Amino acid sequence: MLPQPGAKLDLTQLHSAVHNLVLARREDVGFWKGPFETAWAGFMFAGHSASNQDEIALNLVKGELLGDKRPADPHTASELAACYMIAAFLQRINASEIANDFIALADTRALEIAAHIDLEERFHLFSTPEYLYAIVLAHHSTQQKMPDEVANIVGDSLDRIRGTAWHQSGYVFAVAGTAYLIAHSYSKAACQAVLQWLAARLNVDKIDEHSLSFVWFLENNWPSIKPKVSQAQQKSIDDAFIRLRSKLLHSLGQFDFQLAWCPPMEVEYDEPLSDALLVVSTIELLMLDEIAEKHSQLSFVLTQEEIDRHSLLSTVFDQYKRLVDNKLSELGLGGQLDAVYKGLEDDNPASWQNAILGCRNVLYKLSEILWQIPGEEYEVPGCGTTISVKPDKQKNRLTAYLYHCGISKSKAPVFMAQFEAVISLGRALIDRSAKAKHAISRDEALSLLMAMYVLLAEMIALTGLEPATGSN
C-alpha cells in the first residue's frame, strides 16, 4: 500500500510498496516489454543499496538479457539503444568484459548504419531521449571512448532536442538533460544552461506530471551540478529540491497509477484525465523506484507538517525575480525587466526581439548608474592594464564596477563566468537578429532573461548594486 494523504511517511515501507508495484506490473501486463526497458530496470536495481538489493530480480534481468532478449544483431534504433543500456547494466554488476562486447557491437552497427543515411535521417535515428541517454551512459560507465562519428551525431541530436523539445515535458528534459550533462562532462556552461531552464519551470507548490521527472533529474545530477554554480543558486535549488521531493513522496497514495507504453506527452485520451490519475511510462515507474529506494533509510524528506509550514515561492526563479525587480525599482529602473518578462507571453516574434533589446538596455542603464567615478580610463587592479570607461563602453564600465567592489575572476570565478556568458549571449542574439540571419525564438529570449535575473541577483548579493562614486 502506498501512503495515504496525511499519513505518517514510513520511507522503508514506501520503497517496498513502490518496488512491489514495479514487479507486479511486470507480471500483470508484461511490464518490461523489451530488452531496453529490462536493461534500464536492471541498471536501476543494481544501484540499490546492499540492504535493498533484490537478487532475484537482478538474476532474472541478467538471465533475460543474456538469453532470449539478447539483441545479437542490432539493426534498429531500439536494438542499438538496448545494447548500450545492457552494457551500462553489466558494468554496474562488474561484468566489464561482457559490457565492452555489447558497446563494441553497438558502436560498430551504429557506424555502419550512419554511413548509409543522410544527416536528417541520422538525427531521427538518434532523436529519442532515452536512446541518447543510453549511448552516453554506457560509454561513461565503462569509460569507453565514443567513436568520433557517433559522438558528433549524439552531440548534434542533444543540441537539437535542447532547442526544440526540453519544453515539451519534464520527462524529455530529465532524460535528455542528463545525457546532455554527461556528454559535456558537467562543464560549468552545461550546468548553467540546464539550471537556468529548470529554475524557471520548477514548481514546488503542485505535484503534476512533471514532478517525478524533475525529482529524478535532481537526484541524479544535482551533486555534480552544485559545485559549478553560485552559493545563492545552491541554496535556492537545495530548498526547492527537498520540498518537491518530500511533496512527491507524500502524495503518491492519492494517485491511481496507470501505465502507458510511451512517454505521457505522446498519449492521446478521448476525455480529460482525473486529477487523481497519474499516467506513467515504463521508464518513469522505474524512476520512481529509484527515488524511493534512495530515501528508504537515511533521507532528507520533510514531514507533512514541515511542508505545510515551509514558505517558498512557486518557482525558484520567482525568488530571483522579486529581489531584482525591487532593487531595479530603487535605482529608477522599476518595471523594465518585468515588462520584458511579460512580453514573452506574447506569440508575436517581434516581442521576443524586443525582449533581447530590453535586456541590453537595462545593462546599458546600469552601467551609467553604477559607474560614476570621473575619468575615461580605469586601471584593473593587479593586472597593470587599463580599460576605457567612456559612456559607450558599457561592458567595461560594468567590469570596472565589479573590480572596484573587489570582485574578480580569482575571487568569484563562477560569478565572473556568468557575467561574461550573459554579455556574450546578449551580443550574439542581437547581432544575429540585426543581420536578419536568425529569427529569435521565445526560448532564446527566455534564456537570456533568466540569465539576466540570476546575474543581477548575484550582483545584488555581492555589491548591493550601490553606485561607485569614488568616495566609496
Protein backbone atom coordinates (compact mmCIF):
# COMPACT_ATOMS: atom_id res chain seq x y z
CA MET A 1 0.00 0.00 0.00
CA LEU A 2 1.25 3.46 -0.88
CA PRO A 3 0.97 6.06 1.91
CA GLN A 4 -2.36 7.83 2.11
CA PRO A 5 -2.50 11.65 2.18
CA GLY A 6 -1.85 12.94 5.71
CA ALA A 7 -0.49 9.61 6.96
CA LYS A 8 2.95 9.40 8.54
CA LEU A 9 5.52 8.51 5.89
CA ASP A 10 7.49 5.33 6.58
CA LEU A 11 10.25 5.52 3.97
CA THR A 12 11.20 1.85 4.17
CA GLN A 13 7.60 0.76 3.63
CA LEU A 14 7.25 3.32 0.85
CA HIS A 15 10.11 1.84 -1.14
CA SER A 16 8.82 -1.67 -0.57
CA ALA A 17 5.39 -0.64 -1.89
CA VAL A 18 6.83 1.07 -4.98
CA HIS A 19 9.21 -1.80 -5.73
CA ASN A 20 6.38 -4.31 -5.43
CA LEU A 21 4.34 -2.14 -7.79
CA VAL A 22 7.18 -2.31 -10.34
CA LEU A 23 7.45 -6.08 -10.09
CA ALA A 24 3.67 -6.60 -10.11
CA ARG A 25 3.32 -4.55 -13.28
CA ARG A 26 5.86 -6.78 -14.98
CA GLU A 27 3.84 -9.89 -14.15
CA ASP A 28 0.40 -8.39 -14.85
CA VAL A 29 0.93 -6.55 -18.11
CA GLY A 30 4.32 -7.65 -19.39
CA PHE A 31 5.89 -4.53 -17.90
CA TRP A 32 9.42 -4.97 -19.21
CA LYS A 33 8.24 -5.04 -22.77
CA GLY A 34 11.64 -5.34 -24.42
CA PRO A 35 15.37 -5.56 -23.72
CA PHE A 36 15.77 -1.77 -23.36
CA GLU A 37 13.26 -1.49 -20.50
CA THR A 38 14.62 -4.69 -18.96
CA ALA A 39 18.17 -3.32 -19.05
CA TRP A 40 17.07 0.01 -17.53
CA ALA A 41 15.35 -1.94 -14.72
CA GLY A 42 18.49 -3.98 -14.16
CA PHE A 43 20.70 -0.88 -14.11
CA MET A 44 18.42 0.71 -11.54
CA PHE A 45 18.11 -2.43 -9.37
CA ALA A 46 21.88 -2.90 -9.39
CA GLY A 47 22.30 0.60 -7.97
CA HIS A 48 20.24 -0.19 -4.89
CA SER A 49 22.00 -0.29 -1.54
CA ALA A 50 23.02 -3.68 -0.15
CA SER A 51 20.08 -3.71 2.27
CA ASN A 52 17.61 -3.20 -0.59
CA GLN A 53 19.31 -5.40 -3.15
CA ASP A 54 16.78 -7.63 -4.92
CA GLU A 55 18.95 -10.55 -6.01
CA ILE A 56 16.02 -12.43 -7.52
CA ALA A 57 15.09 -9.51 -9.79
CA LEU A 58 18.73 -8.92 -10.74
CA ASN A 59 19.28 -12.54 -11.69
CA LEU A 60 16.03 -12.51 -13.65
CA VAL A 61 17.15 -9.43 -15.61
CA LYS A 62 20.61 -10.83 -16.27
CA GLY A 63 19.16 -14.14 -17.44
CA GLU A 64 16.75 -12.48 -19.86
CA LEU A 65 19.31 -10.05 -21.32
CA LEU A 66 21.91 -12.71 -21.91
CA GLY A 67 19.30 -15.20 -23.07
CA ASP A 68 16.07 -14.78 -25.02
CA LYS A 69 16.13 -10.97 -25.06
CA ARG A 70 19.75 -10.57 -26.12
CA PRO A 71 19.96 -8.34 -29.25
CA ALA A 72 22.54 -10.39 -31.14
CA ASP A 73 22.46 -8.42 -34.41
CA PRO A 74 21.02 -4.92 -33.79
CA HIS A 75 19.76 -3.05 -36.85
CA THR A 76 17.18 -0.63 -35.45
CA ALA A 77 17.48 2.35 -33.11
CA SER A 78 15.71 0.47 -30.31
CA GLU A 79 18.01 -2.54 -30.66
CA LEU A 80 21.10 -0.32 -30.62
CA ALA A 81 19.81 1.52 -27.54
CA ALA A 82 19.18 -1.83 -25.85
CA CYS A 83 22.79 -2.88 -26.45
CA TYR A 84 24.07 0.33 -24.88
CA MET A 85 21.74 0.08 -21.88
CA ILE A 86 22.66 -3.57 -21.37
CA ALA A 87 26.33 -2.53 -21.35
CA ALA A 88 25.64 0.06 -18.62
CA PHE A 89 23.78 -2.57 -16.57
CA LEU A 90 26.52 -5.19 -16.95
CA GLN A 91 29.19 -2.67 -15.99
CA ARG A 92 27.25 -1.84 -12.83
CA ILE A 93 27.26 -5.52 -11.80
CA ASN A 94 31.00 -5.72 -12.58
CA ALA A 95 30.64 -7.78 -15.77
CA SER A 96 33.00 -5.41 -17.57
CA GLU A 97 34.20 -7.77 -20.29
CA ILE A 98 30.69 -8.59 -21.49
CA ALA A 99 29.72 -4.90 -21.19
CA ASN A 100 32.57 -3.93 -23.51
CA ASP A 101 31.43 -6.57 -26.02
CA PHE A 102 27.96 -5.00 -26.15
CA ILE A 103 29.36 -1.48 -26.61
CA ALA A 104 31.71 -2.63 -29.37
CA LEU A 105 28.81 -4.35 -31.15
CA ALA A 106 26.53 -1.31 -30.85
CA ASP A 107 29.23 1.16 -31.96
CA THR A 108 30.07 -0.97 -35.00
CA ARG A 109 26.43 -1.24 -36.06
CA ALA A 110 25.78 2.46 -35.42
CA LEU A 111 28.69 3.45 -37.66
CA GLU A 112 27.55 1.06 -40.39
CA ILE A 113 24.01 2.47 -40.33
CA ALA A 114 25.19 6.11 -40.18
CA ALA A 115 27.38 5.60 -43.26
CA HIS A 116 24.33 4.84 -45.42
CA ILE A 117 21.89 7.59 -44.37
CA ASP A 118 21.84 11.39 -44.65
CA LEU A 119 22.17 13.88 -41.78
CA GLU A 120 18.44 14.26 -41.20
CA GLU A 121 17.94 10.50 -41.07
CA ARG A 122 20.80 10.27 -38.59
CA PHE A 123 19.04 12.73 -36.34
CA HIS A 124 15.82 10.74 -36.42
CA LEU A 125 17.76 7.54 -35.71
CA PHE A 126 19.25 9.10 -32.57
CA SER A 127 16.49 11.53 -31.59
CA THR A 128 14.81 9.57 -28.79
CA PRO A 129 15.87 10.96 -25.38
CA GLU A 130 16.04 7.52 -23.75
CA TYR A 131 18.27 6.17 -26.54
CA LEU A 132 20.65 9.12 -26.36
CA TYR A 133 20.83 8.69 -22.61
CA ALA A 134 21.69 5.00 -23.05
CA ILE A 135 24.50 5.74 -25.54
CA VAL A 136 26.08 8.41 -23.32
CA LEU A 137 25.57 6.45 -20.10
CA ALA A 138 27.12 3.26 -21.50
CA HIS A 139 30.32 4.96 -22.65
CA HIS A 140 30.53 6.98 -19.43
CA SER A 141 30.00 3.93 -17.21
CA THR A 142 32.56 1.77 -18.98
CA GLN A 143 34.96 4.67 -19.68
CA GLN A 144 34.99 3.65 -23.33
CA LYS A 145 35.66 6.46 -25.83
CA MET A 146 32.72 7.10 -28.09
CA PRO A 147 33.67 6.88 -31.80
CA ASP A 148 34.00 10.38 -33.26
CA GLU A 149 31.20 9.90 -35.78
CA VAL A 150 28.81 8.59 -33.13
CA ALA A 151 29.84 11.39 -30.75
CA ASN A 152 29.09 14.00 -33.42
CA ILE A 153 25.65 12.56 -34.14
CA VAL A 154 24.82 12.32 -30.44
CA GLY A 155 26.05 15.86 -29.77
CA ASP A 156 24.04 17.32 -32.66
CA SER A 157 20.92 15.43 -31.57
CA LEU A 158 21.22 16.57 -27.95
CA ASP A 159 21.64 20.19 -29.08
CA ARG A 160 18.56 19.96 -31.29
CA ILE A 161 16.48 18.41 -28.54
CA ARG A 162 17.65 21.10 -26.14
CA GLY A 163 16.49 23.79 -28.52
CA THR A 164 13.17 22.25 -29.53
CA ALA A 165 11.93 19.63 -27.08
CA TRP A 166 13.01 20.32 -23.49
CA HIS A 167 9.92 22.46 -23.01
CA GLN A 168 7.57 19.66 -24.09
CA SER A 169 7.68 17.81 -20.77
CA GLY A 170 9.66 17.29 -17.61
CA TYR A 171 10.31 13.75 -18.80
CA VAL A 172 12.07 14.82 -22.02
CA PHE A 173 14.10 17.41 -20.11
CA ALA A 174 15.11 14.95 -17.38
CA VAL A 175 16.35 12.22 -19.69
CA ALA A 176 17.84 14.35 -22.49
CA GLY A 177 19.15 16.92 -19.99
CA THR A 178 21.00 14.20 -18.07
CA ALA A 179 22.53 12.90 -21.31
CA TYR A 180 23.48 16.49 -22.23
CA LEU A 181 25.30 16.99 -18.91
CA ILE A 182 27.16 13.67 -19.11
CA ALA A 183 28.15 14.32 -22.73
CA HIS A 184 29.57 17.71 -21.70
CA SER A 185 31.30 16.27 -18.59
CA TYR A 186 29.20 18.53 -16.36
CA SER A 187 31.01 21.64 -17.57
CA LYS A 188 30.10 24.97 -15.99
CA ALA A 189 28.46 26.12 -19.21
CA ALA A 190 26.33 22.97 -19.44
CA CYS A 191 25.34 23.17 -15.77
CA GLN A 192 24.33 26.82 -16.11
CA ALA A 193 22.29 26.11 -19.27
CA VAL A 194 20.39 23.32 -17.55
CA LEU A 195 19.88 25.21 -14.31
CA GLN A 196 18.57 28.36 -15.97
CA TRP A 197 15.96 26.30 -17.82
CA LEU A 198 15.00 24.32 -14.72
CA ALA A 199 14.78 27.28 -12.35
CA ALA A 200 12.08 28.90 -14.48
CA ARG A 201 9.90 25.78 -14.52
CA LEU A 202 10.43 24.08 -11.15
CA ASN A 203 7.04 24.45 -9.48
CA VAL A 204 7.29 23.28 -5.90
CA ASP A 205 3.70 24.01 -4.91
CA LYS A 206 1.99 21.46 -7.13
CA ILE A 207 2.63 17.81 -7.88
CA ASP A 208 1.89 17.18 -11.55
CA GLU A 209 3.06 15.08 -14.49
CA HIS A 210 6.45 16.85 -14.49
CA SER A 211 7.30 16.50 -10.79
CA LEU A 212 8.51 12.90 -10.84
CA SER A 213 10.91 13.55 -13.72
CA PHE A 214 12.27 16.74 -12.14
CA VAL A 215 12.97 14.93 -8.86
CA TRP A 216 14.70 12.07 -10.69
CA PHE A 217 16.80 14.57 -12.66
CA LEU A 218 17.93 16.35 -9.50
CA GLU A 219 18.59 13.10 -7.64
CA ASN A 220 20.98 12.03 -10.40
CA ASN A 221 22.59 15.33 -11.34
CA TRP A 222 22.40 17.91 -8.56
CA PRO A 223 25.51 16.64 -6.68
CA SER A 224 27.58 17.17 -9.86
CA ILE A 225 25.94 20.49 -10.79
CA LYS A 226 26.08 22.04 -7.33
CA PRO A 227 29.84 22.79 -7.17
CA LYS A 228 29.63 24.54 -10.55
CA VAL A 229 27.09 27.20 -9.52
CA SER A 230 26.96 30.10 -7.07
CA GLN A 231 26.01 29.83 -3.41
CA ALA A 232 22.73 31.66 -3.98
CA GLN A 233 21.75 29.16 -6.69
CA GLN A 234 22.82 26.27 -4.48
CA LYS A 235 20.58 27.38 -1.63
CA SER A 236 17.61 28.05 -3.90
CA ILE A 237 17.77 24.65 -5.59
CA ASP A 238 18.50 22.86 -2.32
CA ASP A 239 15.35 24.34 -0.76
CA ALA A 240 13.20 23.65 -3.80
CA PHE A 241 14.54 20.13 -4.25
CA ILE A 242 13.88 18.94 -0.72
CA ARG A 243 10.38 20.36 -0.78
CA LEU A 244 9.46 18.94 -4.18
CA ARG A 245 10.86 15.51 -3.32
CA SER A 246 9.02 15.49 0.01
CA LYS A 247 5.71 16.53 -1.53
CA LEU A 248 6.04 13.92 -4.27
CA LEU A 249 6.66 11.06 -1.85
CA HIS A 250 3.86 12.20 0.45
CA SER A 251 1.44 12.48 -2.48
CA LEU A 252 1.86 9.05 -4.05
CA GLY A 253 -1.07 7.47 -2.25
CA GLN A 254 -3.58 9.88 -3.75
CA PHE A 255 -2.83 8.78 -7.31
CA ASP A 256 -4.17 5.89 -9.32
CA PHE A 257 -1.11 4.78 -11.28
CA GLN A 258 -1.74 3.72 -14.85
CA LEU A 259 0.94 2.51 -17.21
CA ALA A 260 1.49 3.96 -20.67
CA TRP A 261 3.80 2.29 -23.18
CA CYS A 262 5.11 5.60 -24.44
CA PRO A 263 6.04 8.92 -22.78
CA PRO A 264 2.97 10.76 -21.42
CA MET A 265 3.22 13.60 -23.95
CA GLU A 266 2.55 11.11 -26.77
CA VAL A 267 -0.55 9.55 -25.22
CA GLU A 268 -3.96 10.74 -26.50
CA TYR A 269 -7.16 10.44 -24.48
CA ASP A 270 -10.78 10.85 -25.51
CA GLU A 271 -11.75 12.52 -22.23
CA PRO A 272 -9.93 14.78 -19.76
CA LEU A 273 -7.96 12.86 -17.15
CA SER A 274 -8.87 12.92 -13.48
CA ASP A 275 -6.54 14.84 -11.15
CA ALA A 276 -6.17 11.62 -9.19
CA LEU A 277 -4.79 9.74 -12.20
CA LEU A 278 -1.05 9.66 -12.78
CA VAL A 279 -0.18 8.09 -16.12
CA VAL A 280 3.43 6.97 -16.18
CA SER A 281 5.62 5.38 -18.81
CA THR A 282 7.72 2.29 -18.23
CA ILE A 283 10.81 4.38 -17.54
CA GLU A 284 9.02 6.78 -15.21
CA LEU A 285 7.86 3.96 -12.96
CA LEU A 286 11.48 2.81 -12.76
CA MET A 287 12.48 6.38 -11.93
CA LEU A 288 10.02 6.34 -9.04
CA ASP A 289 11.50 3.10 -7.71
CA GLU A 290 14.97 4.65 -7.86
CA ILE A 291 13.87 7.75 -5.95
CA ALA A 292 12.02 5.75 -3.29
CA GLU A 293 15.00 3.42 -2.79
CA LYS A 294 17.46 6.26 -2.30
CA HIS A 295 15.37 7.62 0.56
CA SER A 296 14.24 4.38 2.12
CA GLN A 297 16.63 4.68 5.06
CA LEU A 298 18.55 7.91 5.65
CA SER A 299 16.73 10.69 3.83
CA PHE A 300 16.15 14.41 3.61
CA VAL A 301 12.38 14.17 3.38
CA LEU A 302 10.22 16.72 5.18
CA THR A 303 7.24 15.67 7.27
CA GLN A 304 3.83 16.84 6.10
CA GLU A 305 3.80 19.41 8.91
CA GLU A 306 7.16 20.79 7.76
CA ILE A 307 5.88 21.01 4.20
CA ASP A 308 2.82 22.93 5.38
CA ARG A 309 4.98 25.35 7.36
CA HIS A 310 7.62 25.73 4.67
CA SER A 311 7.28 29.08 2.96
CA LEU A 312 8.66 29.11 -0.56
CA LEU A 313 7.64 30.93 -3.72
CA SER A 314 6.04 28.96 -6.56
CA THR A 315 9.25 28.72 -8.54
CA VAL A 316 12.91 29.19 -7.76
CA PHE A 317 13.02 31.85 -10.44
CA ASP A 318 10.46 33.95 -8.55
CA GLN A 319 12.99 34.45 -5.77
CA TYR A 320 15.48 36.00 -8.15
CA LYS A 321 12.81 37.98 -9.94
CA ARG A 322 11.34 39.61 -6.85
CA LEU A 323 14.76 40.54 -5.47
CA VAL A 324 15.94 42.05 -8.75
CA ASP A 325 12.70 43.87 -9.59
CA ASN A 326 12.67 45.54 -6.16
CA LYS A 327 16.29 46.67 -6.46
CA LEU A 328 15.86 47.97 -10.01
CA SER A 329 12.89 49.98 -8.79
CA GLU A 330 15.12 51.60 -6.15
CA LEU A 331 17.56 52.56 -8.92
CA GLY A 332 14.86 54.15 -11.08
CA LEU A 333 14.55 51.19 -13.44
CA GLY A 334 11.37 49.79 -11.96
CA GLY A 335 9.27 47.56 -14.20
CA GLN A 336 11.74 47.37 -17.08
CA LEU A 337 12.76 43.71 -16.82
CA ASP A 338 9.30 42.77 -15.63
CA ALA A 339 7.88 44.27 -18.82
CA VAL A 340 10.33 42.16 -20.83
CA TYR A 341 9.19 39.06 -18.92
CA LYS A 342 5.51 39.73 -19.59
CA GLY A 343 6.27 40.44 -23.24
CA LEU A 344 7.48 36.87 -23.68
CA GLU A 345 3.92 35.66 -23.11
CA ASP A 346 3.05 37.18 -26.48
CA ASP A 347 3.10 34.92 -29.54
CA ASN A 348 4.46 37.74 -31.69
CA PRO A 349 8.15 37.16 -32.64
CA ALA A 350 8.64 40.94 -32.56
CA SER A 351 8.06 40.80 -28.81
CA TRP A 352 10.84 38.23 -28.45
CA GLN A 353 13.20 40.52 -30.36
CA ASN A 354 12.20 43.41 -28.11
CA ALA A 355 12.97 41.24 -25.09
CA ILE A 356 16.59 40.89 -26.24
CA LEU A 357 16.89 44.64 -26.71
CA GLY A 358 15.18 45.26 -23.37
CA CYS A 359 17.78 43.14 -21.55
CA ARG A 360 20.57 45.03 -23.28
CA ASN A 361 19.05 48.40 -22.39
CA VAL A 362 18.85 47.50 -18.70
CA LEU A 363 22.56 46.62 -18.69
CA TYR A 364 23.38 49.85 -20.51
CA LYS A 365 21.46 51.93 -17.98
CA LEU A 366 23.06 50.07 -15.07
CA SER A 367 26.49 50.92 -16.49
CA GLU A 368 25.51 54.61 -16.29
CA ILE A 369 24.07 54.34 -12.79
CA LEU A 370 26.66 52.10 -11.13
CA TRP A 371 29.86 53.64 -12.54
CA GLN A 372 30.03 57.32 -11.55
CA ILE A 373 33.78 57.70 -10.97
CA PRO A 374 35.19 60.52 -13.13
CA GLY A 375 37.69 59.75 -15.88
CA GLU A 376 37.81 57.88 -19.17
CA GLU A 377 40.11 55.03 -18.11
CA TYR A 378 40.31 52.55 -15.25
CA GLU A 379 43.37 50.62 -14.12
CA VAL A 380 42.46 46.99 -13.43
CA PRO A 381 43.87 46.02 -10.01
CA GLY A 382 46.74 43.56 -10.13
CA CYS A 383 46.88 43.47 -13.94
CA GLY A 384 48.82 46.59 -14.83
CA THR A 385 46.38 47.31 -17.68
CA THR A 386 43.78 49.99 -18.22
CA ILE A 387 40.36 49.81 -19.85
CA SER A 388 38.24 52.56 -21.34
CA VAL A 389 35.23 53.53 -19.24
CA LYS A 390 33.78 56.08 -21.65
CA PRO A 391 29.95 56.24 -21.76
CA ASP A 392 29.77 53.99 -24.85
CA LYS A 393 31.90 51.24 -23.21
CA GLN A 394 29.08 49.71 -21.19
CA LYS A 395 30.66 46.31 -20.59
CA ASN A 396 33.95 47.90 -19.50
CA ARG A 397 32.10 50.20 -17.09
CA LEU A 398 30.34 47.23 -15.50
CA THR A 399 33.63 45.31 -15.37
CA ALA A 400 35.32 48.28 -13.69
CA TYR A 401 32.45 48.47 -11.23
CA LEU A 402 32.89 44.80 -10.28
CA TYR A 403 36.65 45.20 -9.79
CA HIS A 404 36.06 48.37 -7.77
CA CYS A 405 33.78 46.32 -5.49
CA GLY A 406 36.51 43.72 -5.04
CA ILE A 407 35.06 41.10 -7.40
CA SER A 408 37.47 39.37 -9.79
CA LYS A 409 37.93 36.07 -11.61
CA SER A 410 40.19 34.80 -8.84
CA LYS A 411 37.80 35.72 -6.02
CA ALA A 412 34.47 34.93 -7.69
CA PRO A 413 35.18 32.71 -10.73
CA VAL A 414 31.64 31.32 -11.11
CA PHE A 415 30.05 34.77 -10.97
CA MET A 416 32.52 36.30 -13.43
CA ALA A 417 31.90 33.40 -15.82
CA GLN A 418 28.16 34.13 -15.55
CA PHE A 419 28.81 37.82 -16.26
CA GLU A 420 30.82 37.06 -19.41
CA ALA A 421 28.24 34.49 -20.57
CA VAL A 422 25.28 36.88 -20.26
CA ILE A 423 27.11 39.67 -22.10
CA SER A 424 28.20 37.29 -24.87
CA LEU A 425 24.76 35.71 -25.24
CA GLY A 426 23.05 39.09 -25.47
CA ARG A 427 25.52 40.38 -28.07
CA ALA A 428 25.27 37.21 -30.16
CA LEU A 429 21.46 37.24 -30.26
CA ILE A 430 21.28 40.95 -31.07
CA ASP A 431 23.87 40.58 -33.82
CA ARG A 432 22.21 37.56 -35.39
CA SER A 433 18.80 39.20 -35.31
CA ALA A 434 20.01 42.54 -36.66
CA LYS A 435 21.57 40.85 -39.66
CA ALA A 436 18.31 39.01 -40.38
CA LYS A 437 20.19 35.72 -40.36
CA HIS A 438 18.34 34.25 -37.44
CA ALA A 439 14.81 34.54 -36.13
CA ILE A 440 14.95 34.89 -32.36
CA SER A 441 12.88 32.18 -30.66
CA ARG A 442 10.93 32.59 -27.44
CA ASP A 443 13.22 30.06 -25.72
CA GLU A 444 16.33 32.03 -26.71
CA ALA A 445 14.84 35.25 -25.39
CA LEU A 446 13.72 33.49 -22.22
CA SER A 447 17.20 32.02 -21.69
CA LEU A 448 18.77 35.48 -21.83
CA LEU A 449 16.16 36.94 -19.49
CA MET A 450 16.56 34.10 -16.96
CA ALA A 451 20.33 34.54 -17.08
CA MET A 452 19.91 38.30 -16.57
CA TYR A 453 17.81 37.84 -13.44
CA VAL A 454 20.25 35.30 -11.98
CA LEU A 455 23.24 37.53 -12.77
CA LEU A 456 21.68 40.63 -11.25
CA ALA A 457 20.58 38.71 -8.15
CA GLU A 458 24.17 37.60 -7.66
CA MET A 459 25.39 41.18 -8.17
CA ILE A 460 22.95 42.37 -5.52
CA ALA A 461 24.24 39.75 -3.08
CA LEU A 462 27.87 40.74 -3.77
CA THR A 463 27.64 44.52 -4.16
CA GLY A 464 24.16 45.65 -3.17
CA LEU A 465 24.20 47.47 -6.55
CA GLU A 466 25.46 50.52 -4.71
CA PRO A 467 26.86 53.06 -7.24
CA ALA A 468 30.64 53.57 -7.29
CA THR A 469 31.32 57.28 -6.88
CA GLY A 470 35.00 57.33 -5.97
CA SER A 471 34.25 58.13 -2.36
CA ASN A 472 33.19 54.55 -1.55
